[in-house]
PDB file of all heavy atoms in Angstrom:
ATOM      1  N   CYS A   1       8.528   7.605   2.458  1.00  0.00           N
ATOM      2  CA  CYS A   1       8.975   7.980   3.802  1.00  0.00           C
ATOM      3  C   CYS A   1       8.135   9.105   4.379  1.00  0.00           C
ATOM      4  O   CYS A   1       7.755   9.071   5.550  1.00  0.00           O
ATOM      5  CB  CYS A   1      10.438   8.390   3.778  1.00  0.00           C
ATOM      6  SG  CYS A   1      11.558   7.034   3.414  1.00  0.00           S
ATOM      7  N   ALA A   2       7.845  10.106   3.556  1.00  0.00           N
ATOM      8  CA  ALA A   2       7.048  11.240   4.016  1.00  0.00           C
ATOM      9  C   ALA A   2       5.630  10.812   4.375  1.00  0.00           C
ATOM     10  O   ALA A   2       4.980  11.442   5.210  1.00  0.00           O
ATOM     11  CB  ALA A   2       7.024  12.330   2.948  1.00  0.00           C
ATOM     12  N   ALA A   3       5.160   9.734   3.778  1.00  0.00           N
ATOM     13  CA  ALA A   3       3.815   9.244   4.072  1.00  0.00           C
ATOM     14  C   ALA A   3       3.763   8.324   5.291  1.00  0.00           C
ATOM     15  O   ALA A   3       2.745   8.272   5.986  1.00  0.00           O
ATOM     16  CB  ALA A   3       3.257   8.506   2.851  1.00  0.00           C
ATOM     17  N   LEU A   4       4.834   7.603   5.562  1.00  0.00           N
ATOM     18  CA  LEU A   4       4.787   6.555   6.594  1.00  0.00           C
ATOM     19  C   LEU A   4       5.468   6.885   7.920  1.00  0.00           C
ATOM     20  O   LEU A   4       5.439   6.076   8.840  1.00  0.00           O
ATOM     21  CB  LEU A   4       5.404   5.266   6.054  1.00  0.00           C
ATOM     22  CG  LEU A   4       4.560   4.512   5.047  1.00  0.00           C
ATOM     23  CD1 LEU A   4       5.291   3.261   4.591  1.00  0.00           C
ATOM     24  CD2 LEU A   4       3.219   4.130   5.633  1.00  0.00           C
ATOM     25  N   TYR A   5       6.082   8.051   8.047  1.00  0.00           N
ATOM     26  CA  TYR A   5       6.885   8.316   9.242  1.00  0.00           C
ATOM     27  C   TYR A   5       6.090   8.222  10.533  1.00  0.00           C
ATOM     28  O   TYR A   5       6.597   7.718  11.533  1.00  0.00           O
ATOM     29  CB  TYR A   5       7.633   9.642   9.131  1.00  0.00           C
ATOM     30  CG  TYR A   5       6.804  10.893   9.201  1.00  0.00           C
ATOM     31  CD1 TYR A   5       6.714  11.600  10.394  1.00  0.00           C
ATOM     32  CD2 TYR A   5       6.143  11.384   8.093  1.00  0.00           C
ATOM     33  CE1 TYR A   5       5.982  12.777  10.459  1.00  0.00           C
ATOM     34  CE2 TYR A   5       5.424  12.552   8.155  1.00  0.00           C
ATOM     35  CZ  TYR A   5       5.330  13.245   9.339  1.00  0.00           C
ATOM     36  OH  TYR A   5       4.612  14.402   9.410  1.00  0.00           O
ATOM     37  N   ARG A   6       4.865   8.660  10.556  1.00  0.00           N
ATOM     38  CA  ARG A   6       4.065   8.567  11.791  1.00  0.00           C
ATOM     39  C   ARG A   6       3.718   7.115  12.115  1.00  0.00           C
ATOM     40  O   ARG A   6       3.684   6.739  13.276  1.00  0.00           O
ATOM     41  CB  ARG A   6       2.817   9.420  11.674  1.00  0.00           C
ATOM     42  CG  ARG A   6       3.134  10.887  11.703  1.00  0.00           C
ATOM     43  CD  ARG A   6       1.892  11.725  11.688  1.00  0.00           C
ATOM     44  NE  ARG A   6       2.255  13.122  11.667  1.00  0.00           N
ATOM     45  CZ  ARG A   6       1.560  14.053  11.074  1.00  0.00           C
ATOM     46  NH1 ARG A   6       0.439  13.748  10.462  1.00  0.00           N
ATOM     47  NH2 ARG A   6       1.962  15.295  11.089  1.00  0.00           N
ATOM     48  N   TRP A   7       3.474   6.336  11.096  1.00  0.00           N
ATOM     49  CA  TRP A   7       3.168   4.916  11.307  1.00  0.00           C
ATOM     50  C   TRP A   7       4.375   4.214  11.923  1.00  0.00           C
ATOM     51  O   TRP A   7       4.233   3.459  12.887  1.00  0.00           O
ATOM     52  CB  TRP A   7       2.803   4.265   9.966  1.00  0.00           C
ATOM     53  CG  TRP A   7       2.394   2.831  10.079  1.00  0.00           C
ATOM     54  CD1 TRP A   7       1.148   2.341  10.324  1.00  0.00           C
ATOM     55  CD2 TRP A   7       3.252   1.694   9.960  1.00  0.00           C
ATOM     56  NE1 TRP A   7       1.187   0.966  10.358  1.00  0.00           N
ATOM     57  CE2 TRP A   7       2.455   0.539  10.143  1.00  0.00           C
ATOM     58  CE3 TRP A   7       4.614   1.539   9.722  1.00  0.00           C
ATOM     59  CZ2 TRP A   7       2.981  -0.746  10.085  1.00  0.00           C
ATOM     60  CZ3 TRP A   7       5.134   0.248   9.673  1.00  0.00           C
ATOM     61  CH2 TRP A   7       4.321  -0.869   9.848  1.00  0.00           C
ATOM     62  N   TRP A   8       5.571   4.464  11.382  1.00  0.00           N
ATOM     63  CA  TRP A   8       6.783   3.862  11.927  1.00  0.00           C
ATOM     64  C   TRP A   8       6.974   4.259  13.391  1.00  0.00           C
ATOM     65  O   TRP A   8       7.308   3.421  14.224  1.00  0.00           O
ATOM     66  CB  TRP A   8       8.012   4.284  11.135  1.00  0.00           C
ATOM     67  CG  TRP A   8       8.255   3.547   9.858  1.00  0.00           C
ATOM     68  CD1 TRP A   8       8.156   2.200   9.653  1.00  0.00           C
ATOM     69  CD2 TRP A   8       8.663   4.101   8.617  1.00  0.00           C
ATOM     70  NE1 TRP A   8       8.483   1.894   8.358  1.00  0.00           N
ATOM     71  CE2 TRP A   8       8.792   3.041   7.696  1.00  0.00           C
ATOM     72  CE3 TRP A   8       8.945   5.397   8.186  1.00  0.00           C
ATOM     73  CZ2 TRP A   8       9.192   3.227   6.383  1.00  0.00           C
ATOM     74  CZ3 TRP A   8       9.340   5.586   6.865  1.00  0.00           C
ATOM     75  CH2 TRP A   8       9.461   4.511   5.985  1.00  0.00           C
ATOM     76  N   CYS A   9       6.773   5.537  13.711  1.00  0.00           N
ATOM     77  CA  CYS A   9       6.964   6.014  15.090  1.00  0.00           C
ATOM     78  C   CYS A   9       5.945   5.400  16.032  1.00  0.00           C
ATOM     79  O   CYS A   9       6.291   4.978  17.137  1.00  0.00           O
ATOM     80  CB  CYS A   9       6.889   7.534  15.143  1.00  0.00           C
ATOM     81  SG  CYS A   9       8.317   8.331  14.389  1.00  0.00           S
ATOM     82  N   ALA A  10       4.700   5.341  15.606  1.00  0.00           N
ATOM     83  CA  ALA A  10       3.649   4.790  16.459  1.00  0.00           C
ATOM     84  C   ALA A  10       3.896   3.320  16.793  1.00  0.00           C
ATOM     85  O   ALA A  10       3.467   2.840  17.838  1.00  0.00           O
ATOM     86  CB  ALA A  10       2.288   4.945  15.781  1.00  0.00           C
ATOM     87  N   ARG A  11       4.601   2.637  15.933  1.00  0.00           N
ATOM     88  CA  ARG A  11       4.875   1.219  16.146  1.00  0.00           C
ATOM     89  C   ARG A  11       6.300   0.951  16.635  1.00  0.00           C
ATOM     90  O   ARG A  11       6.702  -0.189  16.794  1.00  0.00           O
ATOM     91  CB  ARG A  11       4.594   0.449  14.865  1.00  0.00           C
ATOM     92  CG  ARG A  11       3.090   0.272  14.688  1.00  0.00           C
ATOM     93  CD  ARG A  11       2.667   0.173  13.266  1.00  0.00           C
ATOM     94  NE  ARG A  11       1.220   0.116  13.143  1.00  0.00           N
ATOM     95  CZ  ARG A  11       0.416   1.177  13.188  1.00  0.00           C
ATOM     96  NH1 ARG A  11       0.913   2.372  13.368  1.00  0.00           N
ATOM     97  NH2 ARG A  11      -0.894   1.048  13.056  1.00  0.00           N
ATOM     98  N   GLY A  12       7.059   2.016  16.846  1.00  0.00           N
ATOM     99  CA  GLY A  12       8.414   1.862  17.372  1.00  0.00           C
ATOM    100  C   GLY A  12       9.388   1.255  16.387  1.00  0.00           C
ATOM    101  O   GLY A  12      10.405   0.677  16.784  1.00  0.00           O
ATOM    102  N   ARG A  13       9.149   1.419  15.118  1.00  0.00           N
ATOM    103  CA  ARG A  13       9.994   0.812  14.084  1.00  0.00           C
ATOM    104  C   ARG A  13      11.022   1.822  13.579  1.00  0.00           C
ATOM    105  O   ARG A  13      11.083   2.160  12.412  1.00  0.00           O
ATOM    106  CB  ARG A  13       9.113   0.287  12.969  1.00  0.00           C
ATOM    107  CG  ARG A  13       8.148  -0.787  13.505  1.00  0.00           C
ATOM    108  CD  ARG A  13       7.271  -1.308  12.438  1.00  0.00           C
ATOM    109  NE  ARG A  13       8.078  -2.196  11.616  1.00  0.00           N
ATOM    110  CZ  ARG A  13       7.644  -3.343  11.126  1.00  0.00           C
ATOM    111  NH1 ARG A  13       6.426  -3.760  11.386  1.00  0.00           N
ATOM    112  NH2 ARG A  13       8.438  -4.071  10.376  1.00  0.00           N
ATOM    113  N   PHE A  14      11.841   2.299  14.518  1.00  0.00           N
ATOM    114  CA  PHE A  14      12.781   3.372  14.223  1.00  0.00           C
ATOM    115  C   PHE A  14      13.912   2.935  13.306  1.00  0.00           C
ATOM    116  O   PHE A  14      14.320   3.700  12.427  1.00  0.00           O
ATOM    117  CB  PHE A  14      13.341   3.960  15.523  1.00  0.00           C
ATOM    118  CG  PHE A  14      12.265   4.383  16.467  1.00  0.00           C
ATOM    119  CD1 PHE A  14      12.146   3.798  17.722  1.00  0.00           C
ATOM    120  CD2 PHE A  14      11.351   5.352  16.110  1.00  0.00           C
ATOM    121  CE1 PHE A  14      11.147   4.182  18.591  1.00  0.00           C
ATOM    122  CE2 PHE A  14      10.344   5.752  16.970  1.00  0.00           C
ATOM    123  CZ  PHE A  14      10.241   5.164  18.218  1.00  0.00           C
ATOM    124  N   ALA A  15      14.442   1.757  13.492  1.00  0.00           N
ATOM    125  CA  ALA A  15      15.536   1.288  12.637  1.00  0.00           C
ATOM    126  C   ALA A  15      15.069   1.143  11.190  1.00  0.00           C
ATOM    127  O   ALA A  15      15.785   1.523  10.258  1.00  0.00           O
ATOM    128  CB  ALA A  15      16.083  -0.039  13.159  1.00  0.00           C
ATOM    129  N   GLU A  16      13.865   0.627  11.016  1.00  0.00           N
ATOM    130  CA  GLU A  16      13.301   0.482   9.674  1.00  0.00           C
ATOM    131  C   GLU A  16      13.108   1.861   9.021  1.00  0.00           C
ATOM    132  O   GLU A  16      13.440   2.064   7.851  1.00  0.00           O
ATOM    133  CB  GLU A  16      11.960  -0.238   9.771  1.00  0.00           C
ATOM    134  CG  GLU A  16      11.256  -0.477   8.467  1.00  0.00           C
ATOM    135  CD  GLU A  16       9.937  -1.212   8.662  1.00  0.00           C
ATOM    136  OE1 GLU A  16       9.811  -2.037   9.596  1.00  0.00           O
ATOM    137  OE2 GLU A  16       9.024  -0.945   7.867  1.00  0.00           O
ATOM    138  N   ALA A  17      12.595   2.807   9.788  1.00  0.00           N
ATOM    139  CA  ALA A  17      12.379   4.160   9.280  1.00  0.00           C
ATOM    140  C   ALA A  17      13.702   4.832   8.935  1.00  0.00           C
ATOM    141  O   ALA A  17      13.822   5.503   7.895  1.00  0.00           O
ATOM    142  CB  ALA A  17      11.611   4.990  10.306  1.00  0.00           C
ATOM    143  N   GLU A  18      14.694   4.660   9.788  1.00  0.00           N
ATOM    144  CA  GLU A  18      16.010   5.255   9.542  1.00  0.00           C
ATOM    145  C   GLU A  18      16.613   4.711   8.250  1.00  0.00           C
ATOM    146  O   GLU A  18      17.135   5.471   7.425  1.00  0.00           O
ATOM    147  CB  GLU A  18      16.948   4.965  10.720  1.00  0.00           C
ATOM    148  CG  GLU A  18      18.378   5.362  10.505  1.00  0.00           C
ATOM    149  CD  GLU A  18      18.592   6.857  10.299  1.00  0.00           C
ATOM    150  OE1 GLU A  18      17.849   7.651  10.893  1.00  0.00           O
ATOM    151  OE2 GLU A  18      19.509   7.217   9.546  1.00  0.00           O
ATOM    152  N   LEU A  19      16.543   3.420   8.071  1.00  0.00           N
ATOM    153  CA  LEU A  19      17.085   2.790   6.866  1.00  0.00           C
ATOM    154  C   LEU A  19      16.354   3.279   5.618  1.00  0.00           C
ATOM    155  O   LEU A  19      16.995   3.625   4.617  1.00  0.00           O
ATOM    156  CB  LEU A  19      16.996   1.274   6.985  1.00  0.00           C
ATOM    157  CG  LEU A  19      17.557   0.469   5.816  1.00  0.00           C
ATOM    158  CD1 LEU A  19      19.046   0.735   5.648  1.00  0.00           C
ATOM    159  CD2 LEU A  19      17.301  -1.015   6.052  1.00  0.00           C
ATOM    160  N   ALA A  20      15.036   3.332   5.677  1.00  0.00           N
ATOM    161  CA  ALA A  20      14.257   3.781   4.520  1.00  0.00           C
ATOM    162  C   ALA A  20      14.577   5.231   4.169  1.00  0.00           C
ATOM    163  O   ALA A  20      14.760   5.564   2.993  1.00  0.00           O
ATOM    164  CB  ALA A  20      12.765   3.616   4.797  1.00  0.00           C
ATOM    165  N   HIS A  21      14.652   6.088   5.182  1.00  0.00           N
ATOM    166  CA  HIS A  21      14.968   7.487   4.928  1.00  0.00           C
ATOM    167  C   HIS A  21      16.384   7.635   4.352  1.00  0.00           C
ATOM    168  O   HIS A  21      16.586   8.372   3.383  1.00  0.00           O
ATOM    169  CB  HIS A  21      14.839   8.316   6.213  1.00  0.00           C
ATOM    170  CG  HIS A  21      13.452   8.709   6.527  1.00  0.00           C
ATOM    171  ND1 HIS A  21      12.623   7.931   7.286  1.00  0.00           N
ATOM    172  CD2 HIS A  21      12.732   9.795   6.182  1.00  0.00           C
ATOM    173  CE1 HIS A  21      11.454   8.528   7.410  1.00  0.00           C
ATOM    174  NE2 HIS A  21      11.489   9.666   6.742  1.00  0.00           N
ATOM    175  N   SER A  22      17.337   6.986   4.952  1.00  0.00           N
ATOM    176  CA  SER A  22      18.722   7.097   4.482  1.00  0.00           C
ATOM    177  C   SER A  22      18.856   6.648   3.034  1.00  0.00           C
ATOM    178  O   SER A  22      19.474   7.338   2.214  1.00  0.00           O
ATOM    179  CB  SER A  22      19.658   6.279   5.366  1.00  0.00           C
ATOM    180  OG  SER A  22      19.666   6.800   6.663  1.00  0.00           O
ATOM    181  N   ARG A  23      18.270   5.520   2.718  1.00  0.00           N
ATOM    182  CA  ARG A  23      18.364   5.003   1.354  1.00  0.00           C
ATOM    183  C   ARG A  23      17.617   5.887   0.362  1.00  0.00           C
ATOM    184  O   ARG A  23      18.103   6.130  -0.742  1.00  0.00           O
ATOM    185  CB  ARG A  23      17.820   3.580   1.289  1.00  0.00           C
ATOM    186  CG  ARG A  23      18.748   2.568   1.892  1.00  0.00           C
ATOM    187  CD  ARG A  23      18.221   1.171   1.722  1.00  0.00           C
ATOM    188  NE  ARG A  23      19.164   0.199   2.230  1.00  0.00           N
ATOM    189  CZ  ARG A  23      18.904  -1.097   2.305  1.00  0.00           C
ATOM    190  NH1 ARG A  23      17.730  -1.577   1.917  1.00  0.00           N
ATOM    191  NH2 ARG A  23      19.802  -1.921   2.771  1.00  0.00           N
ATOM    192  N   SER A  24      16.463   6.355   0.755  1.00  0.00           N
ATOM    193  CA  SER A  24      15.666   7.192  -0.149  1.00  0.00           C
ATOM    194  C   SER A  24      16.356   8.517  -0.440  1.00  0.00           C
ATOM    195  O   SER A  24      16.417   8.955  -1.595  1.00  0.00           O
ATOM    196  CB  SER A  24      14.288   7.469   0.451  1.00  0.00           C
ATOM    197  OG  SER A  24      13.569   6.280   0.596  1.00  0.00           O
ATOM    198  N   LEU A  25      16.861   9.158   0.606  1.00  0.00           N
ATOM    199  CA  LEU A  25      17.526  10.451   0.409  1.00  0.00           C
ATOM    200  C   LEU A  25      18.803  10.296  -0.403  1.00  0.00           C
ATOM    201  O   LEU A  25      19.129  11.150  -1.221  1.00  0.00           O
ATOM    202  CB  LEU A  25      17.792  11.110   1.757  1.00  0.00           C
ATOM    203  CG  LEU A  25      16.541  11.684   2.413  1.00  0.00           C
ATOM    204  CD1 LEU A  25      16.789  11.958   3.901  1.00  0.00           C
ATOM    205  CD2 LEU A  25      16.088  12.936   1.692  1.00  0.00           C
ATOM    206  N   GLU A  26      19.509   9.207  -0.205  1.00  0.00           N
ATOM    207  CA  GLU A  26      20.727   8.956  -0.970  1.00  0.00           C
ATOM    208  C   GLU A  26      20.392   8.684  -2.434  1.00  0.00           C
ATOM    209  O   GLU A  26      21.067   9.184  -3.339  1.00  0.00           O
ATOM    210  CB  GLU A  26      21.479   7.765  -0.377  1.00  0.00           C
ATOM    211  CG  GLU A  26      22.782   7.473  -1.068  1.00  0.00           C
ATOM    212  CD  GLU A  26      23.499   6.284  -0.457  1.00  0.00           C
ATOM    213  OE1 GLU A  26      23.539   6.176   0.782  1.00  0.00           O
ATOM    214  OE2 GLU A  26      24.020   5.461  -1.227  1.00  0.00           O
ATOM    215  N   ALA A  27      19.340   7.913  -2.673  1.00  0.00           N
ATOM    216  CA  ALA A  27      18.984   7.519  -4.031  1.00  0.00           C
ATOM    217  C   ALA A  27      18.480   8.686  -4.877  1.00  0.00           C
ATOM    218  O   ALA A  27      18.751   8.743  -6.078  1.00  0.00           O
ATOM    219  CB  ALA A  27      17.926   6.417  -3.999  1.00  0.00           C
ATOM    220  N   CYS A  28      17.778   9.626  -4.251  1.00  0.00           N
ATOM    221  CA  CYS A  28      17.197  10.700  -5.060  1.00  0.00           C
ATOM    222  C   CYS A  28      18.160  11.846  -5.303  1.00  0.00           C
ATOM    223  O   CYS A  28      17.887  12.706  -6.138  1.00  0.00           O
ATOM    224  CB  CYS A  28      15.893  11.204  -4.453  1.00  0.00           C
ATOM    225  SG  CYS A  28      16.048  12.235  -3.006  1.00  0.00           S
ATOM    226  N   GLY A  29      19.289  11.866  -4.620  1.00  0.00           N
ATOM    227  CA  GLY A  29      20.274  12.919  -4.855  1.00  0.00           C
ATOM    228  C   GLY A  29      19.673  14.297  -4.650  1.00  0.00           C
ATOM    229  O   GLY A  29      18.920  14.521  -3.720  1.00  0.00           O
ATOM    230  N   ALA A  30      19.993  15.211  -5.547  1.00  0.00           N
ATOM    231  CA  ALA A  30      19.522  16.597  -5.419  1.00  0.00           C
ATOM    232  C   ALA A  30      18.219  16.846  -6.173  1.00  0.00           C
ATOM    233  O   ALA A  30      17.756  17.972  -6.228  1.00  0.00           O
ATOM    234  CB  ALA A  30      20.602  17.542  -5.913  1.00  0.00           C
ATOM    235  N   ARG A  31      17.650  15.806  -6.743  1.00  0.00           N
ATOM    236  CA  ARG A  31      16.400  15.979  -7.477  1.00  0.00           C
ATOM    237  C   ARG A  31      15.268  16.349  -6.533  1.00  0.00           C
ATOM    238  O   ARG A  31      15.239  15.952  -5.379  1.00  0.00           O
ATOM    239  CB  ARG A  31      16.018  14.681  -8.208  1.00  0.00           C
ATOM    240  CG  ARG A  31      16.963  14.303  -9.317  1.00  0.00           C
ATOM    241  CD  ARG A  31      16.556  13.011  -9.933  1.00  0.00           C
ATOM    242  NE  ARG A  31      16.580  11.982  -8.873  1.00  0.00           N
ATOM    243  CZ  ARG A  31      16.480  10.685  -9.067  1.00  0.00           C
ATOM    244  NH1 ARG A  31      16.298  10.243 -10.263  1.00  0.00           N
ATOM    245  NH2 ARG A  31      16.537   9.840  -8.084  1.00  0.00           N
ATOM    246  N   ASP A  32      14.339  17.085  -7.010  1.00  0.00           N
ATOM    247  CA  ASP A  32      13.093  17.447  -6.341  1.00  0.00           C
ATOM    248  C   ASP A  32      13.304  17.947  -4.913  1.00  0.00           C
ATOM    249  O   ASP A  32      13.008  17.248  -3.933  1.00  0.00           O
ATOM    250  CB  ASP A  32      12.127  16.259  -6.351  1.00  0.00           C
ATOM    251  CG  ASP A  32      10.696  16.674  -6.078  1.00  0.00           C
ATOM    252  OD1 ASP A  32      10.459  17.846  -5.722  1.00  0.00           O
ATOM    253  OD2 ASP A  32       9.820  15.817  -6.211  1.00  0.00           O
ATOM    254  N   PRO A  33      13.796  19.165  -4.750  1.00  0.00           N
ATOM    255  CA  PRO A  33      14.070  19.694  -3.411  1.00  0.00           C
ATOM    256  C   PRO A  33      12.829  19.780  -2.522  1.00  0.00           C
ATOM    257  O   PRO A  33      12.934  19.642  -1.310  1.00  0.00           O
ATOM    258  CB  PRO A  33      14.675  21.078  -3.655  1.00  0.00           C
ATOM    259  CG  PRO A  33      14.561  21.349  -5.098  1.00  0.00           C
ATOM    260  CD  PRO A  33      14.193  20.094  -5.799  1.00  0.00           C
ATOM    261  N   ALA A  34      11.651  19.961  -3.095  1.00  0.00           N
ATOM    262  CA  ALA A  34      10.424  20.007  -2.282  1.00  0.00           C
ATOM    263  C   ALA A  34      10.173  18.654  -1.619  1.00  0.00           C
ATOM    264  O   ALA A  34       9.835  18.580  -0.437  1.00  0.00           O
ATOM    265  CB  ALA A  34       9.224  20.420  -3.129  1.00  0.00           C
ATOM    266  N   LEU A  35      10.340  17.592  -2.374  1.00  0.00           N
ATOM    267  CA  LEU A  35      10.153  16.255  -1.816  1.00  0.00           C
ATOM    268  C   LEU A  35      11.256  15.929  -0.811  1.00  0.00           C
ATOM    269  O   LEU A  35      11.001  15.342   0.243  1.00  0.00           O
ATOM    270  CB  LEU A  35      10.111  15.213  -2.935  1.00  0.00           C
ATOM    271  CG  LEU A  35       9.852  13.776  -2.506  1.00  0.00           C
ATOM    272  CD1 LEU A  35       8.547  13.668  -1.719  1.00  0.00           C
ATOM    273  CD2 LEU A  35       9.808  12.876  -3.722  1.00  0.00           C
ATOM    274  N   ARG A  36      12.482  16.334  -1.102  1.00  0.00           N
ATOM    275  CA  ARG A  36      13.590  16.124  -0.159  1.00  0.00           C
ATOM    276  C   ARG A  36      13.329  16.860   1.153  1.00  0.00           C
ATOM    277  O   ARG A  36      13.629  16.342   2.221  1.00  0.00           O
ATOM    278  CB  ARG A  36      14.922  16.573  -0.766  1.00  0.00           C
ATOM    279  CG  ARG A  36      15.451  15.621  -1.824  1.00  0.00           C
ATOM    280  CD  ARG A  36      16.756  16.109  -2.430  1.00  0.00           C
ATOM    281  NE  ARG A  36      17.814  16.293  -1.447  1.00  0.00           N
ATOM    282  CZ  ARG A  36      18.565  15.308  -0.933  1.00  0.00           C
ATOM    283  NH1 ARG A  36      18.357  14.071  -1.290  1.00  0.00           N
ATOM    284  NH2 ARG A  36      19.512  15.590  -0.067  1.00  0.00           N
ATOM    285  N   ALA A  37      12.760  18.055   1.075  1.00  0.00           N
ATOM    286  CA  ALA A  37      12.429  18.801   2.302  1.00  0.00           C
ATOM    287  C   ALA A  37      11.433  18.019   3.147  1.00  0.00           C
ATOM    288  O   ALA A  37      11.610  17.898   4.368  1.00  0.00           O
ATOM    289  CB  ALA A  37      11.856  20.176   1.939  1.00  0.00           C
ATOM    290  N   ARG A  38      10.414  17.460   2.520  1.00  0.00           N
ATOM    291  CA  ARG A  38       9.435  16.662   3.261  1.00  0.00           C
ATOM    292  C   ARG A  38      10.076  15.408   3.857  1.00  0.00           C
ATOM    293  O   ARG A  38       9.775  15.017   4.986  1.00  0.00           O
ATOM    294  CB  ARG A  38       8.262  16.300   2.355  1.00  0.00           C
ATOM    295  CG  ARG A  38       7.418  17.524   2.037  1.00  0.00           C
ATOM    296  CD  ARG A  38       6.209  17.302   1.148  1.00  0.00           C
ATOM    297  NE  ARG A  38       5.694  15.958   1.069  1.00  0.00           N
ATOM    298  CZ  ARG A  38       5.344  15.373  -0.067  1.00  0.00           C
ATOM    299  NH1 ARG A  38       5.459  15.999  -1.222  1.00  0.00           N
ATOM    300  NH2 ARG A  38       4.853  14.155  -0.065  1.00  0.00           N
ATOM    301  N   ALA A  39      10.969  14.793   3.098  1.00  0.00           N
ATOM    302  CA  ALA A  39      11.647  13.593   3.598  1.00  0.00           C
ATOM    303  C   ALA A  39      12.573  13.930   4.769  1.00  0.00           C
ATOM    304  O   ALA A  39      12.636  13.183   5.747  1.00  0.00           O
ATOM    305  CB  ALA A  39      12.422  12.909   2.477  1.00  0.00           C
ATOM    306  N   PHE A  40      13.288  15.037   4.683  1.00  0.00           N
ATOM    307  CA  PHE A  40      14.144  15.434   5.801  1.00  0.00           C
ATOM    308  C   PHE A  40      13.309  15.781   7.035  1.00  0.00           C
ATOM    309  O   PHE A  40      13.706  15.472   8.157  1.00  0.00           O
ATOM    310  CB  PHE A  40      15.051  16.613   5.426  1.00  0.00           C
ATOM    311  CG  PHE A  40      16.355  16.200   4.813  1.00  0.00           C
ATOM    312  CD1 PHE A  40      16.629  16.476   3.485  1.00  0.00           C
ATOM    313  CD2 PHE A  40      17.316  15.524   5.555  1.00  0.00           C
ATOM    314  CE1 PHE A  40      17.828  16.091   2.907  1.00  0.00           C
ATOM    315  CE2 PHE A  40      18.525  15.136   4.998  1.00  0.00           C
ATOM    316  CZ  PHE A  40      18.780  15.426   3.670  1.00  0.00           C
ATOM    317  N   HIS A  41      12.151  16.396   6.821  1.00  0.00           N
ATOM    318  CA  HIS A  41      11.284  16.678   7.972  1.00  0.00           C
ATOM    319  C   HIS A  41      10.829  15.379   8.634  1.00  0.00           C
ATOM    320  O   HIS A  41      10.892  15.230   9.849  1.00  0.00           O
ATOM    321  CB  HIS A  41      10.050  17.491   7.562  1.00  0.00           C
ATOM    322  CG  HIS A  41       8.987  17.420   8.602  1.00  0.00           C
ATOM    323  ND1 HIS A  41       7.908  16.577   8.493  1.00  0.00           N
ATOM    324  CD2 HIS A  41       8.878  18.028   9.806  1.00  0.00           C
ATOM    325  CE1 HIS A  41       7.173  16.687   9.589  1.00  0.00           C
ATOM    326  NE2 HIS A  41       7.731  17.560  10.397  1.00  0.00           N
ATOM    327  N   SER A  42      10.376  14.419   7.835  1.00  0.00           N
ATOM    328  CA  SER A  42       9.926  13.159   8.427  1.00  0.00           C
ATOM    329  C   SER A  42      11.079  12.411   9.081  1.00  0.00           C
ATOM    330  O   SER A  42      10.905  11.764  10.116  1.00  0.00           O
ATOM    331  CB  SER A  42       9.209  12.287   7.392  1.00  0.00           C
ATOM    332  OG  SER A  42      10.050  11.926   6.325  1.00  0.00           O
ATOM    333  N   HIS A  43      12.275  12.535   8.525  1.00  0.00           N
ATOM    334  CA  HIS A  43      13.468  11.920   9.121  1.00  0.00           C
ATOM    335  C   HIS A  43      13.743  12.551  10.487  1.00  0.00           C
ATOM    336  O   HIS A  43      14.091  11.858  11.457  1.00  0.00           O
ATOM    337  CB  HIS A  43      14.643  12.101   8.174  1.00  0.00           C
ATOM    338  CG  HIS A  43      15.735  11.099   8.344  1.00  0.00           C
ATOM    339  ND1 HIS A  43      16.847  11.102   7.551  1.00  0.00           N
ATOM    340  CD2 HIS A  43      15.912  10.067   9.196  1.00  0.00           C
ATOM    341  CE1 HIS A  43      17.656  10.116   7.911  1.00  0.00           C
ATOM    342  NE2 HIS A  43      17.111   9.486   8.912  1.00  0.00           N
ATOM    343  N   ALA A  44      13.588  13.875  10.586  1.00  0.00           N
ATOM    344  CA  ALA A  44      13.766  14.568  11.864  1.00  0.00           C
ATOM    345  C   ALA A  44      12.740  14.102  12.885  1.00  0.00           C
ATOM    346  O   ALA A  44      13.057  13.871  14.056  1.00  0.00           O
ATOM    347  CB  ALA A  44      13.666  16.081  11.659  1.00  0.00           C
ATOM    348  N   TYR A  45      11.509  13.942  12.457  1.00  0.00           N
ATOM    349  CA  TYR A  45      10.436  13.488  13.339  1.00  0.00           C
ATOM    350  C   TYR A  45      10.748  12.101  13.904  1.00  0.00           C
ATOM    351  O   TYR A  45      10.608  11.859  15.104  1.00  0.00           O
ATOM    352  CB  TYR A  45       9.128  13.472  12.532  1.00  0.00           C
ATOM    353  CG  TYR A  45       7.879  13.209  13.322  1.00  0.00           C
ATOM    354  CD1 TYR A  45       7.116  14.273  13.790  1.00  0.00           C
ATOM    355  CD2 TYR A  45       7.426  11.919  13.567  1.00  0.00           C
ATOM    356  CE1 TYR A  45       5.936  14.049  14.484  1.00  0.00           C
ATOM    357  CE2 TYR A  45       6.258  11.686  14.257  1.00  0.00           C
ATOM    358  CZ  TYR A  45       5.514  12.755  14.721  1.00  0.00           C
ATOM    359  OH  TYR A  45       4.349  12.521  15.410  1.00  0.00           O
TER     360      TYR A  45
END
């Protein structure tokens, strides 16, 4: 998600990006807060 968020936005694929972010953040739980921070930033974008 942190790698693809700009690609999703440039192509207007917001629903796909939302689903990927939601599932990824849910699946990783509290592990790796640095990666979660990047994922939350891309989700905000």
